[in-house]
Amino acid sequence: MKVNHGRMQEDKARKYFQKLINTVDYCHSGGVYHSDLNPENLLLDPSGNLKVSHLRLSALSRQVRDDY
């Protein structure tokens, strides 16, 4: 279900963008790379927390795969 509340204010958008950057950095530091990162895969929970979905479309780096 998609909900459209119009444009987000810049300060709020900046906060979510920083959370996204931190999330992607955390995943990359663990060798996980999301292969379909797009707006449809970014969700907000009822508390306003950013969630990245469709991690089944992720890939492990070669180094991490070799460790298994």
PDB file of N, CA and C in Angstrom:
ATOM      1  N   MET A   1       0.844  -1.179   0.000  1.00  0.00           N
ATOM      2  CA  MET A   1       0.000   0.000   0.000  1.00  0.00           C
ATOM      3  C   MET A   1       0.887   1.239   0.000  1.00  0.00           C
ATOM      4  N   LYS A   2       0.682   2.103  -0.930  1.00  0.00           N
ATOM      5  CA  LYS A   2       1.454   3.337  -1.010  1.00  0.00           C
ATOM      6  C   LYS A   2       0.619   4.486  -0.469  1.00  0.00           C
ATOM      7  N   VAL A   3       1.272   5.345   0.279  1.00  0.00           N
ATOM      8  CA  VAL A   3       0.613   6.522   0.818  1.00  0.00           C
ATOM      9  C   VAL A   3       1.398   7.732   0.355  1.00  0.00           C
ATOM     10  N   ASN A   4       0.706   8.705  -0.171  1.00  0.00           N
ATOM     11  CA  ASN A   4       1.365   9.903  -0.653  1.00  0.00           C
ATOM     12  C   ASN A   4       0.941  11.079   0.216  1.00  0.00           C
ATOM     13  N   HIS A   5       1.892  11.672   0.891  1.00  0.00           N
ATOM     14  CA  HIS A   5       1.630  12.827   1.732  1.00  0.00           C
ATOM     15  C   HIS A   5       2.236  14.085   1.128  1.00  0.00           C
ATOM     16  N   GLY A   6       2.546  14.072  -0.151  1.00  0.00           N
ATOM     17  CA  GLY A   6       3.140  15.237  -0.796  1.00  0.00           C
ATOM     18  C   GLY A   6       4.636  15.314  -0.529  1.00  0.00           C
ATOM     19  N   ARG A   7       5.177  16.463  -0.793  1.00  0.00           N
ATOM     20  CA  ARG A   7       6.626  16.671  -0.631  1.00  0.00           C
ATOM     21  C   ARG A   7       7.010  16.685   0.834  1.00  0.00           C
ATOM     22  N   MET A   8       8.170  16.148   1.105  1.00  0.00           N
ATOM     23  CA  MET A   8       8.717  16.131   2.458  1.00  0.00           C
ATOM     24  C   MET A   8       9.543  17.405   2.655  1.00  0.00           C
ATOM     25  N   GLN A   9       9.486  17.960   3.839  1.00  0.00           N
ATOM     26  CA  GLN A   9      10.289  19.139   4.134  1.00  0.00           C
ATOM     27  C   GLN A   9      11.767  18.779   4.081  1.00  0.00           C
ATOM     28  N   GLU A  10      12.580  19.748   3.663  1.00  0.00           N
ATOM     29  CA  GLU A  10      14.006  19.497   3.433  1.00  0.00           C
ATOM     30  C   GLU A  10      14.726  18.976   4.670  1.00  0.00           C
ATOM     31  N   ASP A  11      14.469  19.527   5.849  1.00  0.00           N
ATOM     32  CA  ASP A  11      15.169  19.070   7.047  1.00  0.00           C
ATOM     33  C   ASP A  11      14.811  17.630   7.384  1.00  0.00           C
ATOM     34  N   LYS A  12      13.569  17.246   7.168  1.00  0.00           N
ATOM     35  CA  LYS A  12      13.144  15.869   7.412  1.00  0.00           C
ATOM     36  C   LYS A  12      13.756  14.927   6.371  1.00  0.00           C
ATOM     37  N   ALA A  13      13.768  15.354   5.111  1.00  0.00           N
ATOM     38  CA  ALA A  13      14.362  14.550   4.037  1.00  0.00           C
ATOM     39  C   ALA A  13      15.853  14.343   4.292  1.00  0.00           C
ATOM     40  N   ARG A  14      16.531  15.383   4.766  1.00  0.00           N
ATOM     41  CA  ARG A  14      17.965  15.291   5.066  1.00  0.00           C
ATOM     42  C   ARG A  14      18.207  14.240   6.157  1.00  0.00           C
ATOM     43  N   LYS A  15      17.346  14.221   7.169  1.00  0.00           N
ATOM     44  CA  LYS A  15      17.468  13.258   8.263  1.00  0.00           C
ATOM     45  C   LYS A  15      17.330  11.827   7.738  1.00  0.00           C
ATOM     46  N   TYR A  16      16.333  11.602   6.885  1.00  0.00           N
ATOM     47  CA  TYR A  16      16.134  10.262   6.326  1.00  0.00           C
ATOM     48  C   TYR A  16      17.261   9.875   5.376  1.00  0.00           C
ATOM     49  N   PHE A  17      17.766  10.832   4.609  1.00  0.00           N
ATOM     50  CA  PHE A  17      18.872  10.541   3.702  1.00  0.00           C
ATOM     51  C   PHE A  17      20.109  10.122   4.497  1.00  0.00           C
ATOM     52  N   GLN A  18      20.381  10.812   5.601  1.00  0.00           N
ATOM     53  CA  GLN A  18      21.530  10.445   6.441  1.00  0.00           C
ATOM     54  C   GLN A  18      21.344   9.050   7.024  1.00  0.00           C
ATOM     55  N   LYS A  19      20.114   8.716   7.425  1.00  0.00           N
ATOM     56  CA  LYS A  19      19.842   7.365   7.931  1.00  0.00           C
ATOM     57  C   LYS A  19      20.075   6.333   6.834  1.00  0.00           C
ATOM     58  N   LEU A  20      19.674   6.663   5.612  1.00  0.00           N
ATOM     59  CA  LEU A  20      19.884   5.745   4.493  1.00  0.00           C
ATOM     60  C   LEU A  20      21.374   5.530   4.245  1.00  0.00           C
ATOM     61  N   ILE A  21      22.144   6.605   4.246  1.00  0.00           N
ATOM     62  CA  ILE A  21      23.589   6.502   4.036  1.00  0.00           C
ATOM     63  C   ILE A  21      24.219   5.641   5.134  1.00  0.00           C
ATOM     64  N   ASN A  22      23.813   5.853   6.373  1.00  0.00           N
ATOM     65  CA  ASN A  22      24.347   5.058   7.488  1.00  0.00           C
ATOM     66  C   ASN A  22      23.976   3.582   7.343  1.00  0.00           C
ATOM     67  N   THR A  23      22.750   3.313   6.900  1.00  0.00           N
ATOM     68  CA  THR A  23      22.301   1.932   6.724  1.00  0.00           C
ATOM     69  C   THR A  23      23.091   1.238   5.621  1.00  0.00           C
ATOM     70  N   VAL A  24      23.252   1.915   4.495  1.00  0.00           N
ATOM     71  CA  VAL A  24      24.001   1.332   3.372  1.00  0.00           C
ATOM     72  C   VAL A  24      25.455   1.118   3.773  1.00  0.00           C
ATOM     73  N   ASP A  25      26.035   2.067   4.477  1.00  0.00           N
ATOM     74  CA  ASP A  25      27.413   1.924   4.943  1.00  0.00           C
ATOM     75  C   ASP A  25      27.549   0.713   5.867  1.00  0.00           C
ATOM     76  N   TYR A  26      26.602   0.542   6.773  1.00  0.00           N
ATOM     77  CA  TYR A  26      26.626  -0.605   7.690  1.00  0.00           C
ATOM     78  C   TYR A  26      26.553  -1.917   6.904  1.00  0.00           C
ATOM     79  N   CYS A  27      25.655  -1.994   5.947  1.00  0.00           N
ATOM     80  CA  CYS A  27      25.541  -3.215   5.137  1.00  0.00           C
ATOM     81  C   CYS A  27      26.823  -3.473   4.354  1.00  0.00           C
ATOM     82  N   HIS A  28      27.371  -2.441   3.738  1.00  0.00           N
ATOM     83  CA  HIS A  28      28.601  -2.598   2.961  1.00  0.00           C
ATOM     84  C   HIS A  28      29.764  -3.029   3.844  1.00  0.00           C
ATOM     85  N   SER A  29      29.816  -2.523   5.067  1.00  0.00           N
ATOM     86  CA  SER A  29      30.913  -2.911   5.967  1.00  0.00           C
ATOM     87  C   SER A  29      30.829  -4.388   6.331  1.00  0.00           C
ATOM     88  N   GLY A  30      29.627  -4.964   6.226  1.00  0.00           N
ATOM     89  CA  GLY A  30      29.457  -6.397   6.476  1.00  0.00           C
ATOM     90  C   GLY A  30      29.507  -7.221   5.210  1.00  0.00           C
ATOM     91  N   GLY A  31      29.807  -6.577   4.084  1.00  0.00           N
ATOM     92  CA  GLY A  31      29.932  -7.300   2.816  1.00  0.00           C
ATOM     93  C   GLY A  31      28.606  -7.568   2.127  1.00  0.00           C
ATOM     94  N   VAL A  32      27.543  -6.863   2.520  1.00  0.00           N
ATOM     95  CA  VAL A  32      26.225  -7.056   1.910  1.00  0.00           C
ATOM     96  C   VAL A  32      25.915  -5.844   1.040  1.00  0.00           C
ATOM     97  N   TYR A  33      25.522  -6.112  -0.208  1.00  0.00           N
ATOM     98  CA  TYR A  33      25.234  -5.055  -1.169  1.00  0.00           C
ATOM     99  C   TYR A  33      23.826  -5.240  -1.708  1.00  0.00           C
ATOM    100  N   HIS A  34      22.976  -4.242  -1.551  1.00  0.00           N
ATOM    101  CA  HIS A  34      21.600  -4.278  -2.032  1.00  0.00           C
ATOM    102  C   HIS A  34      21.628  -4.034  -3.530  1.00  0.00           C
ATOM    103  N   SER A  35      21.028  -4.924  -4.295  1.00  0.00           N
ATOM    104  CA  SER A  35      21.118  -4.796  -5.752  1.00  0.00           C
ATOM    105  C   SER A  35      19.912  -4.103  -6.376  1.00  0.00           C
ATOM    106  N   ASP A  36      18.966  -3.647  -5.562  1.00  0.00           N
ATOM    107  CA  ASP A  36      17.792  -2.978  -6.111  1.00  0.00           C
ATOM    108  C   ASP A  36      17.344  -1.862  -5.178  1.00  0.00           C
ATOM    109  N   LEU A  37      18.275  -0.995  -4.817  1.00  0.00           N
ATOM    110  CA  LEU A  37      17.966   0.104  -3.908  1.00  0.00           C
ATOM    111  C   LEU A  37      17.279   1.223  -4.688  1.00  0.00           C
ATOM    112  N   ASN A  38      16.009   1.429  -4.422  1.00  0.00           N
ATOM    113  CA  ASN A  38      15.234   2.467  -5.084  1.00  0.00           C
ATOM    114  C   ASN A  38      14.143   2.947  -4.132  1.00  0.00           C
ATOM    115  N   PRO A  39      13.470   4.042  -4.435  1.00  0.00           N
ATOM    116  CA  PRO A  39      12.481   4.585  -3.495  1.00  0.00           C
ATOM    117  C   PRO A  39      11.389   3.602  -3.084  1.00  0.00           C
ATOM    118  N   GLU A  40      11.005   2.691  -3.970  1.00  0.00           N
ATOM    119  CA  GLU A  40       9.967   1.723  -3.631  1.00  0.00           C
ATOM    120  C   GLU A  40      10.424   0.741  -2.555  1.00  0.00           C
ATOM    121  N   ASN A  41      11.732   0.615  -2.349  1.00  0.00           N
ATOM    122  CA  ASN A  41      12.270  -0.302  -1.341  1.00  0.00           C
ATOM    123  C   ASN A  41      12.652   0.401  -0.042  1.00  0.00           C
ATOM    124  N   LEU A  42      12.264   1.661   0.087  1.00  0.00           N
ATOM    125  CA  LEU A  42      12.497   2.415   1.318  1.00  0.00           C
ATOM    126  C   LEU A  42      11.147   2.651   1.978  1.00  0.00           C
ATOM    127  N   LEU A  43      11.030   2.192   3.208  1.00  0.00           N
ATOM    128  CA  LEU A  43       9.755   2.258   3.921  1.00  0.00           C
ATOM    129  C   LEU A  43       9.918   3.018   5.219  1.00  0.00           C
ATOM    130  N   LEU A  44       8.837   3.590   5.690  1.00  0.00           N
ATOM    131  CA  LEU A  44       8.805   4.218   7.003  1.00  0.00           C
ATOM    132  C   LEU A  44       7.814   3.444   7.858  1.00  0.00           C
ATOM    133  N   ASP A  45       8.236   3.054   9.057  1.00  0.00           N
ATOM    134  CA  ASP A  45       7.315   2.368   9.958  1.00  0.00           C
ATOM    135  C   ASP A  45       6.425   3.410  10.648  1.00  0.00           C
ATOM    136  N   PRO A  46       5.438   2.977  11.416  1.00  0.00           N
ATOM    137  CA  PRO A  46       4.523   3.932  12.060  1.00  0.00           C
ATOM    138  C   PRO A  46       5.226   4.947  12.970  1.00  0.00           C
ATOM    139  N   SER A  47       6.417   4.606  13.448  1.00  0.00           N
ATOM    140  CA  SER A  47       7.170   5.530  14.303  1.00  0.00           C
ATOM    141  C   SER A  47       8.074   6.456  13.503  1.00  0.00           C
ATOM    142  N   GLY A  48       8.069   6.315  12.176  1.00  0.00           N
ATOM    143  CA  GLY A  48       8.893   7.175  11.330  1.00  0.00           C
ATOM    144  C   GLY A  48      10.305   6.665  11.131  1.00  0.00           C
ATOM    145  N   ASN A  49      10.568   5.405  11.489  1.00  0.00           N
ATOM    146  CA  ASN A  49      11.894   4.818  11.287  1.00  0.00           C
ATOM    147  C   ASN A  49      12.032   4.324   9.854  1.00  0.00           C
ATOM    148  N   LEU A  50      13.186   4.585   9.251  1.00  0.00           N
ATOM    149  CA  LEU A  50      13.463   4.156   7.887  1.00  0.00           C
ATOM    150  C   LEU A  50      13.781   2.665   7.864  1.00  0.00           C
ATOM    151  N   LYS A  51      13.171   1.951   6.945  1.00  0.00           N
ATOM    152  CA  LYS A  51      13.417   0.522   6.749  1.00  0.00           C
ATOM    153  C   LYS A  51      13.779   0.288   5.289  1.00  0.00           C
ATOM    154  N   VAL A  52      14.787  -0.537   5.060  1.00  0.00           N
ATOM    155  CA  VAL A  52      15.162  -0.918   3.699  1.00  0.00           C
ATOM    156  C   VAL A  52      14.608  -2.305   3.465  1.00  0.00           C
ATOM    157  N   SER A  53      13.802  -2.455   2.418  1.00  0.00           N
ATOM    158  CA  SER A  53      13.172  -3.742   2.141  1.00  0.00           C
ATOM    159  C   SER A  53      13.821  -4.422   0.943  1.00  0.00           C
ATOM    160  N   HIS A  54      13.365  -5.625   0.666  1.00  0.00           N
ATOM    161  CA  HIS A  54      13.828  -6.432  -0.465  1.00  0.00           C
ATOM    162  C   HIS A  54      15.302  -6.794  -0.346  1.00  0.00           C
ATOM    163  N   LEU A  55      15.713  -7.137   0.867  1.00  0.00           N
ATOM    164  CA  LEU A  55      17.106  -7.559   1.041  1.00  0.00           C
ATOM    165  C   LEU A  55      17.373  -8.909   0.393  1.00  0.00           C
ATOM    166  N   ARG A  56      16.327  -9.600  -0.016  1.00  0.00           N
ATOM    167  CA  ARG A  56      16.549 -10.850  -0.752  1.00  0.00           C
ATOM    168  C   ARG A  56      17.226 -10.557  -2.087  1.00  0.00           C
ATOM    169  N   LEU A  57      17.207  -9.299  -2.505  1.00  0.00           N
ATOM    170  CA  LEU A  57      17.885  -8.899  -3.727  1.00  0.00           C
ATOM    171  C   LEU A  57      19.297  -8.418  -3.434  1.00  0.00           C
ATOM    172  N   SER A  58      19.819  -8.801  -2.268  1.00  0.00           N
ATOM    173  CA  SER A  58      21.163  -8.404  -1.876  1.00  0.00           C
ATOM    174  C   SER A  58      22.177  -9.413  -2.373  1.00  0.00           C
ATOM    175  N   ALA A  59      23.416  -8.997  -2.351  1.00  0.00           N
ATOM    176  CA  ALA A  59      24.507  -9.879  -2.748  1.00  0.00           C
ATOM    177  C   ALA A  59      25.614  -9.764  -1.713  1.00  0.00           C
ATOM    178  N   LEU A  60      26.223 -10.885  -1.416  1.00  0.00           N
ATOM    179  CA  LEU A  60      27.393 -10.874  -0.542  1.00  0.00           C
ATOM    180  C   LEU A  60      28.624 -10.595  -1.377  1.00  0.00           C
ATOM    181  N   SER A  61      29.540  -9.836  -0.817  1.00  0.00           N
ATOM    182  CA  SER A  61      30.780  -9.577  -1.551  1.00  0.00           C
ATOM    183  C   SER A  61      31.536 -10.881  -1.735  1.00  0.00           C
ATOM    184  N   ARG A  62      32.407 -10.916  -2.705  1.00  0.00           N
ATOM    185  CA  ARG A  62      33.187 -12.125  -2.969  1.00  0.00           C
ATOM    186  C   ARG A  62      33.991 -12.544  -1.746  1.00  0.00           C
ATOM    187  N   GLN A  63      34.555 -11.577  -1.055  1.00  0.00           N
ATOM    188  CA  GLN A  63      35.344 -11.876   0.144  1.00  0.00           C
ATOM    189  C   GLN A  63      34.509 -12.568   1.198  1.00  0.00           C
ATOM    190  N   VAL A  64      33.274 -12.093   1.435  1.00  0.00           N
ATOM    191  CA  VAL A  64      32.395 -12.706   2.425  1.00  0.00           C
ATOM    192  C   VAL A  64      31.979 -14.092   1.961  1.00  0.00           C
ATOM    193  N   ARG A  65      31.644 -14.264   0.678  1.00  0.00           N
ATOM    194  CA  ARG A  65      31.254 -15.572   0.165  1.00  0.00           C
ATOM    195  C   ARG A  65      32.386 -16.574   0.331  1.00  0.00           C
ATOM    196  N   ASP A  66      33.614 -16.154   0.097  1.00  0.00           N
ATOM    197  CA  ASP A  66      34.757 -17.049   0.210  1.00  0.00           C
ATOM    198  C   ASP A  66      34.981 -17.499   1.649  1.00  0.00           C
ATOM    199  N   ASP A  67      34.522 -16.686   2.616  1.00  0.00           N
ATOM    200  CA  ASP A  67      34.675 -17.048   4.023  1.00  0.00           C
ATOM    201  C   ASP A  67      33.717 -18.152   4.454  1.00  0.00           C
ATOM    202  N   TYR A  68      32.649 -18.398   3.663  1.00  0.00           N
ATOM    203  CA  TYR A  68      31.679 -19.421   4.039  1.00  0.00           C
ATOM    204  C   TYR A  68      32.118 -20.795   3.667  1.00  0.00           C
TER     205      TYR A  68
END
